[in-house]
Protein backbone atom coordinates (compact mmCIF):
# COMPACT_ATOMS: atom_id res chain seq x y z
CA MET A 1 19.66 77.35 7.72
CA TRP A 2 22.07 75.35 5.55
CA THR A 3 20.17 72.10 6.07
CA ARG A 4 16.80 73.64 5.25
CA LEU A 5 18.19 75.22 2.11
CA ILE A 6 19.97 72.17 0.77
CA ARG A 7 16.99 69.91 1.46
CA ALA A 8 14.80 71.97 -0.89
CA ARG A 9 13.58 69.84 -3.78
CA ILE A 10 16.10 70.68 -6.47
CA LEU A 11 15.25 68.33 -9.29
CA ARG A 12 13.01 65.36 -9.94
CA VAL A 13 15.77 63.06 -11.11
CA PRO A 14 17.68 60.34 -9.26
CA THR A 15 20.98 62.15 -8.60
CA ILE A 16 22.15 65.77 -8.63
CA THR A 17 25.06 67.62 -7.10
CA LEU A 18 25.32 71.40 -7.13
CA LEU A 19 27.89 73.04 -9.37
CA GLY A 20 27.79 70.14 -11.83
CA LEU A 21 30.02 67.85 -9.79
CA THR A 22 27.66 64.89 -10.37
CA LEU A 23 24.54 64.61 -12.52
CA SER A 24 22.51 61.57 -13.41
CA ALA A 25 22.64 60.33 -16.98
CA GLY A 26 19.78 60.79 -19.37
CA CYS A 27 17.91 63.55 -17.59
CA LEU A 28 16.82 66.49 -19.68
CA ARG A 29 19.97 66.56 -21.82
CA GLU A 30 19.14 66.38 -25.50
CA PRO A 31 22.10 66.51 -27.89
CA VAL A 32 22.01 69.53 -30.13
CA GLY A 33 23.13 69.02 -33.72
CA THR A 34 25.16 71.73 -35.39
CA GLY A 35 22.81 74.41 -36.64
CA SER A 36 19.76 72.66 -35.20
CA SER A 37 16.91 75.04 -34.38
CA ARG A 38 13.97 72.67 -34.03
CA PRO A 39 12.29 72.56 -30.60
CA VAL A 40 13.08 69.46 -28.61
CA ARG A 41 10.35 66.92 -27.88
CA ARG A 42 9.12 67.28 -24.32
CA ASP A 43 5.92 66.98 -22.31
CA PRO A 44 4.00 70.24 -22.97
CA ASN A 45 3.11 70.36 -19.27
CA LEU A 46 6.74 70.19 -18.09
CA LEU A 47 8.69 73.41 -17.54
CA VAL A 48 12.47 72.88 -17.31
CA ILE A 49 14.55 75.62 -15.67
CA TYR A 50 18.32 76.03 -15.22
CA ALA A 51 19.04 78.58 -12.48
CA VAL A 52 21.87 79.99 -10.40
CA CYS A 53 21.94 78.46 -6.94
CA ALA A 54 21.77 81.79 -5.09
CA LEU A 55 18.09 82.01 -5.98
CA ALA A 56 17.15 78.51 -4.78
CA PRO A 57 14.84 79.55 -1.89
CA GLY A 58 12.82 81.99 -3.99
CA LEU A 59 12.60 79.73 -7.01
CA GLU A 60 11.47 76.77 -4.91
CA LEU A 61 8.66 78.95 -3.56
CA ALA A 62 7.82 80.12 -7.08
CA ARG A 63 7.76 76.51 -8.30
CA SER A 64 5.21 75.56 -5.64
CA GLU A 65 3.07 78.61 -6.42
CA PHE A 66 3.23 78.00 -10.17
CA GLU A 67 2.20 74.36 -9.85
CA ALA A 68 -0.66 75.31 -7.50
CA GLN A 69 -1.91 77.95 -9.93
CA ASN A 70 -1.50 75.69 -12.97
CA PRO A 71 -2.85 72.21 -12.13
CA GLY A 72 -1.23 69.53 -14.23
CA ARG A 73 1.91 71.57 -14.87
CA THR A 74 5.26 70.49 -13.41
CA VAL A 75 8.41 72.55 -12.87
CA ASP A 76 11.85 70.88 -12.71
CA ILE A 77 14.84 73.02 -11.77
CA TRP A 78 18.57 72.43 -12.16
CA PHE A 79 20.59 74.61 -9.76
CA GLY A 80 24.28 75.36 -10.29
CA ASP A 81 26.87 78.10 -10.56
CA PRO A 82 26.78 80.26 -13.72
CA THR A 83 29.77 78.56 -15.34
CA THR A 84 28.22 75.13 -14.90
CA LEU A 85 24.91 76.28 -16.37
CA VAL A 86 26.69 77.57 -19.46
CA ASP A 87 28.58 74.29 -19.85
CA ARG A 88 25.33 72.34 -19.58
CA VAL A 89 23.63 74.39 -22.31
CA GLU A 90 26.68 74.21 -24.58
CA SER A 91 26.81 70.42 -24.14
CA GLY A 92 23.21 69.97 -25.25
CA GLY A 93 20.93 70.82 -22.35
CA VAL A 94 17.76 72.61 -23.44
CA PRO A 95 16.02 74.46 -20.61
CA ASP A 96 12.81 76.31 -21.32
CA LEU A 97 14.06 79.05 -19.02
CA LEU A 98 17.63 79.99 -18.07
CA ILE A 99 18.13 82.24 -15.05
CA CYS A 100 21.76 83.30 -14.96
CA LEU A 101 24.21 86.17 -14.73
CA GLY A 102 24.08 88.26 -17.86
CA GLU A 103 27.23 90.09 -18.83
CA VAL A 104 29.48 87.09 -19.47
CA GLU A 105 27.35 83.95 -19.29
CA LEU A 106 24.08 84.94 -20.94
CA GLY A 107 26.00 87.16 -23.35
CA LEU A 108 28.11 84.20 -24.47
CA LEU A 109 25.11 81.91 -24.96
CA GLN A 110 23.29 84.62 -26.88
CA ARG A 111 26.25 85.14 -29.21
CA GLU A 112 26.48 81.39 -29.74
CA GLY A 113 22.81 81.33 -30.74
CA PHE A 114 21.45 79.26 -27.85
CA VAL A 115 19.21 81.73 -26.01
CA ASP A 116 17.08 84.84 -26.35
CA PRO A 117 17.28 87.04 -23.22
CA LEU A 118 13.93 88.30 -22.01
CA PRO A 119 13.89 92.12 -22.17
CA ASN A 120 13.91 94.04 -18.88
CA GLN A 121 13.82 90.89 -16.77
CA THR A 122 15.98 91.24 -13.67
CA ILE A 123 15.53 88.41 -11.18
CA GLY A 124 17.30 88.66 -7.83
CA GLY A 125 21.03 89.01 -7.51
CA TYR A 126 24.29 88.25 -5.81
CA HIS A 127 26.45 90.18 -3.39
CA LEU A 128 30.09 90.52 -4.42
CA VAL A 129 32.14 90.10 -1.25
CA ILE A 130 35.63 89.69 0.13
CA ALA A 131 35.87 86.39 2.00
CA THR A 132 38.59 84.81 4.13
CA PRO A 133 39.30 81.33 5.54
CA ALA A 134 37.49 80.90 8.85
CA VAL A 135 40.74 80.01 10.62
CA SER A 136 42.58 83.09 9.34
CA GLU A 137 43.84 85.72 11.77
CA VAL A 138 43.94 88.32 9.00
CA ARG A 139 41.49 91.15 9.68
CA ILE A 140 39.90 92.83 6.65
CA THR A 141 37.59 95.71 7.53
CA THR A 142 37.96 97.82 4.37
CA PRO A 143 38.89 96.91 0.77
CA GLN A 144 42.16 98.80 1.25
CA ASP A 145 43.19 96.21 3.84
CA LEU A 146 43.88 93.88 0.91
CA LEU A 147 47.08 95.89 0.41
CA ALA A 148 48.39 95.01 3.87
CA THR A 149 51.56 92.93 4.08
CA ASP A 150 49.84 90.22 6.15
CA VAL A 151 47.38 89.61 3.29
CA GLY A 152 49.23 87.29 0.95
CA SER A 153 47.61 85.82 -2.15
CA ILE A 154 44.08 86.87 -3.14
CA ALA A 155 42.01 84.49 -5.25
CA MET A 156 39.41 85.40 -7.85
CA ALA A 157 38.06 84.03 -11.12
CA SER A 158 39.72 85.27 -14.31
CA PRO A 159 37.99 88.35 -15.75
CA GLY A 160 36.21 87.53 -18.99
CA THR A 161 35.78 83.83 -18.28
CA ALA A 162 33.07 84.28 -15.63
CA SER A 163 30.96 87.20 -14.45
CA ILE A 164 32.42 86.93 -10.97
CA GLY A 165 35.90 87.67 -12.34
CA THR A 166 34.68 90.52 -14.53
CA ASP A 167 32.65 92.04 -11.68
CA GLY A 168 35.55 91.62 -9.27
CA LYS A 169 37.91 93.46 -11.60
CA LYS A 170 35.42 96.31 -12.08
CA ALA A 171 34.94 96.66 -8.34
CA LEU A 172 38.68 96.77 -7.70
CA GLU A 173 39.13 99.30 -10.50
CA ARG A 174 36.44 101.55 -8.99
CA LEU A 175 38.29 101.37 -5.70
CA GLY A 176 41.64 102.11 -7.35
CA LEU A 177 43.03 98.74 -6.20
CA TRP A 178 43.22 96.65 -9.37
CA ASN A 179 46.70 97.70 -10.47
CA GLN A 180 48.07 97.75 -6.92
CA LEU A 181 46.98 94.15 -6.27
CA GLN A 182 48.37 92.56 -9.42
CA LYS A 183 51.26 90.82 -7.63
CA LYS A 184 48.89 89.32 -5.05
CA LEU A 185 46.11 88.10 -7.33
CA LYS A 186 45.80 84.41 -8.17
CA LEU A 187 43.37 83.98 -11.05
CA TYR A 188 41.41 80.77 -11.60
CA GLN A 189 39.35 79.60 -14.57
CA LYS A 190 36.45 78.30 -12.48
CA PRO A 191 34.78 79.90 -9.44
CA GLN A 192 34.78 76.55 -7.65
CA GLU A 193 38.60 76.54 -7.77
CA VAL A 194 38.57 79.88 -5.97
CA LEU A 195 36.35 78.44 -3.24
CA GLU A 196 38.55 75.39 -2.82
CA ALA A 197 41.72 77.48 -2.53
CA LEU A 198 40.05 79.76 0.01
CA SER A 199 38.55 76.97 2.09
CA GLN A 200 41.86 75.10 2.24
CA GLY A 201 43.77 78.21 3.33
CA GLU A 202 45.87 78.40 0.18
CA VAL A 203 45.06 82.12 -0.13
CA ALA A 204 44.51 84.84 2.46
CA ALA A 205 41.34 86.19 0.85
CA ALA A 206 39.13 85.83 -2.19
CA ILE A 207 36.56 87.81 -4.15
CA ILE A 208 33.44 85.69 -4.52
CA TYR A 209 29.67 85.88 -4.86
CA ASP A 210 27.45 85.39 -1.85
CA PRO A 211 25.21 83.43 -1.22
CA CYS A 212 25.92 80.82 -3.93
CA PRO A 213 29.18 79.68 -2.30
CA ALA A 214 27.16 78.61 0.71
CA LEU A 215 25.43 75.98 -1.40
CA ALA A 216 28.59 75.02 -3.25
CA LEU A 217 30.55 74.57 -0.06
CA GLN A 218 27.79 72.47 1.46
CA GLU A 219 28.34 69.92 -1.30
CA ALA A 220 32.10 70.00 -1.83
CA LEU A 221 33.58 71.61 1.28
CA SER A 222 32.63 72.69 4.77
CA PRO A 223 30.53 75.90 4.80
CA ASP A 224 32.13 76.82 8.12
CA SER A 225 35.54 77.00 6.44
CA VAL A 226 34.82 80.37 4.80
CA VAL A 227 33.47 83.64 6.20
CA VAL A 228 32.56 86.96 4.61
CA ALA A 229 34.89 89.76 5.64
CA LEU A 230 32.90 92.59 4.06
CA PRO A 231 30.81 93.45 0.98
CA LEU A 232 32.75 94.65 -2.04
CA THR A 233 29.78 95.76 -4.09
CA THR A 234 26.25 95.11 -2.89
CA SER A 235 23.08 97.29 -3.26
CA LYS A 236 19.55 98.30 -3.30
CA GLY A 237 19.66 100.57 -6.28
CA ALA A 238 18.05 99.95 -9.65
CA PRO A 239 19.79 97.46 -11.96
CA ASP A 240 22.14 98.83 -14.57
CA LYS A 241 22.37 102.13 -12.69
CA ALA A 242 25.90 103.13 -11.72
CA ALA A 243 26.44 103.69 -8.03
CA PRO A 244 27.24 107.34 -7.22
CA ALA A 245 30.01 106.31 -4.81
CA VAL A 246 32.27 103.28 -4.62
CA ASP A 247 31.01 102.33 -1.17
CA GLN A 248 27.32 102.37 -2.09
CA GLU A 249 25.81 98.90 -1.81
CA ARG A 250 24.93 97.34 -5.18
CA LEU A 251 23.74 93.93 -6.26
CA VAL A 252 25.10 91.91 -9.16
CA TYR A 253 21.88 91.21 -11.04
CA VAL A 254 20.62 87.95 -12.49
CA ARG A 255 18.69 87.86 -15.80
CA ALA A 256 16.34 85.47 -17.55
CA ALA A 257 16.42 84.00 -21.06
CA THR A 258 14.53 81.38 -23.05
CA HIS A 259 16.30 78.68 -25.06
CA LYS A 260 15.72 78.93 -28.80
CA ARG A 261 14.84 75.23 -28.91
CA SER A 262 12.46 75.39 -25.95
CA PRO A 263 9.13 73.71 -26.66
CA ASN A 264 7.49 75.48 -23.71
CA SER A 265 8.70 79.10 -23.88
CA GLY A 266 5.16 80.30 -23.17
CA LEU A 267 5.20 78.52 -19.81
CA ALA A 268 8.65 80.00 -19.16
CA GLN A 269 7.40 83.56 -19.61
CA ARG A 270 4.39 82.83 -17.41
CA PHE A 271 6.78 81.62 -14.69
CA VAL A 272 8.90 84.76 -14.97
CA LYS A 273 5.81 86.91 -14.54
CA LEU A 274 5.06 85.08 -11.28
CA LEU A 275 8.52 86.02 -9.98
CA GLY A 276 7.37 89.65 -9.79
CA SER A 277 5.10 89.02 -6.80
CA GLU A 278 6.23 90.68 -3.58
CA GLU A 279 6.38 87.41 -1.63
CA ILE A 280 8.62 85.70 -4.16
CA LYS A 281 10.79 88.77 -4.73
CA ALA A 282 11.53 88.80 -1.00
CA ALA A 283 12.38 85.08 -1.04
CA LEU A 284 14.73 85.59 -4.00
CA GLU A 285 17.10 87.45 -1.69
CA GLY A 286 18.23 83.99 -0.54
CA ALA A 287 20.67 83.19 2.21
CA SER A 288 24.09 84.54 3.03
CA LEU A 289 27.43 83.21 4.19
CA ARG A 290 28.29 83.72 7.84
CA GLY A 291 30.02 87.04 8.48
CA GLN A 292 29.53 90.79 8.42
CA ALA A 293 27.67 90.73 5.12
CA ALA A 294 25.01 88.53 6.71
CA ASP A 295 24.34 90.85 9.63
């Protein structure tokens, strides 16, 4: 499964590494002058998308369908974690369409004047999970097991700097665990740092998104070094609707936005409309890390 997923055509440029570890120079990155609002110059038949890596399988299918339905049009997609996508936009990248987590990342880019979120556009989502190193003998079967003495440090991204940290804090607060776990929590600025600490056994557990770490680990670490212990918040309910109980499964939803300097925003909205088909919606569920959450 990992090989098939990673081999998907990610971007028509010479070099790309997920999570922004390596990117070729001169591809689709136009410097943005202070206060600039003019659309960038770009082939009117080229649709450029930045998207969270969890949705890679579905978006690759949508790309093929879009190009088949629109002869002469080409779709190029950058995949990465939400933090990396924000950094790329802030450093001058101008996607026609940005598909990213909304509360922290899209909210920040909207406040900074880079993007206009598309109304009522929810596209796929992540599972928020508790993960452990594969070699760990610690057994976590409920969130309350995080309080056990054999569970040492717990890694997560800092709330407010990335959606994964904010969502993790909210989930722990709903479970009544946030305050009790303060002495155990190790907070990191970047989600990738959480994955590295977990994979290397520096922490007993971590709160991460699934399935994006599967792709990240394939590039930087071994995907077999991390397993999902259990879902923290996952679901099938409607987006933005509070779960009636803390153990109800709920997804962390991904949203879409157009860049204010996009020259092809019309193509972007046409692509988003295609994502509503049943076949592509099913594919947007993506893959999952090995463990109980994947069963």
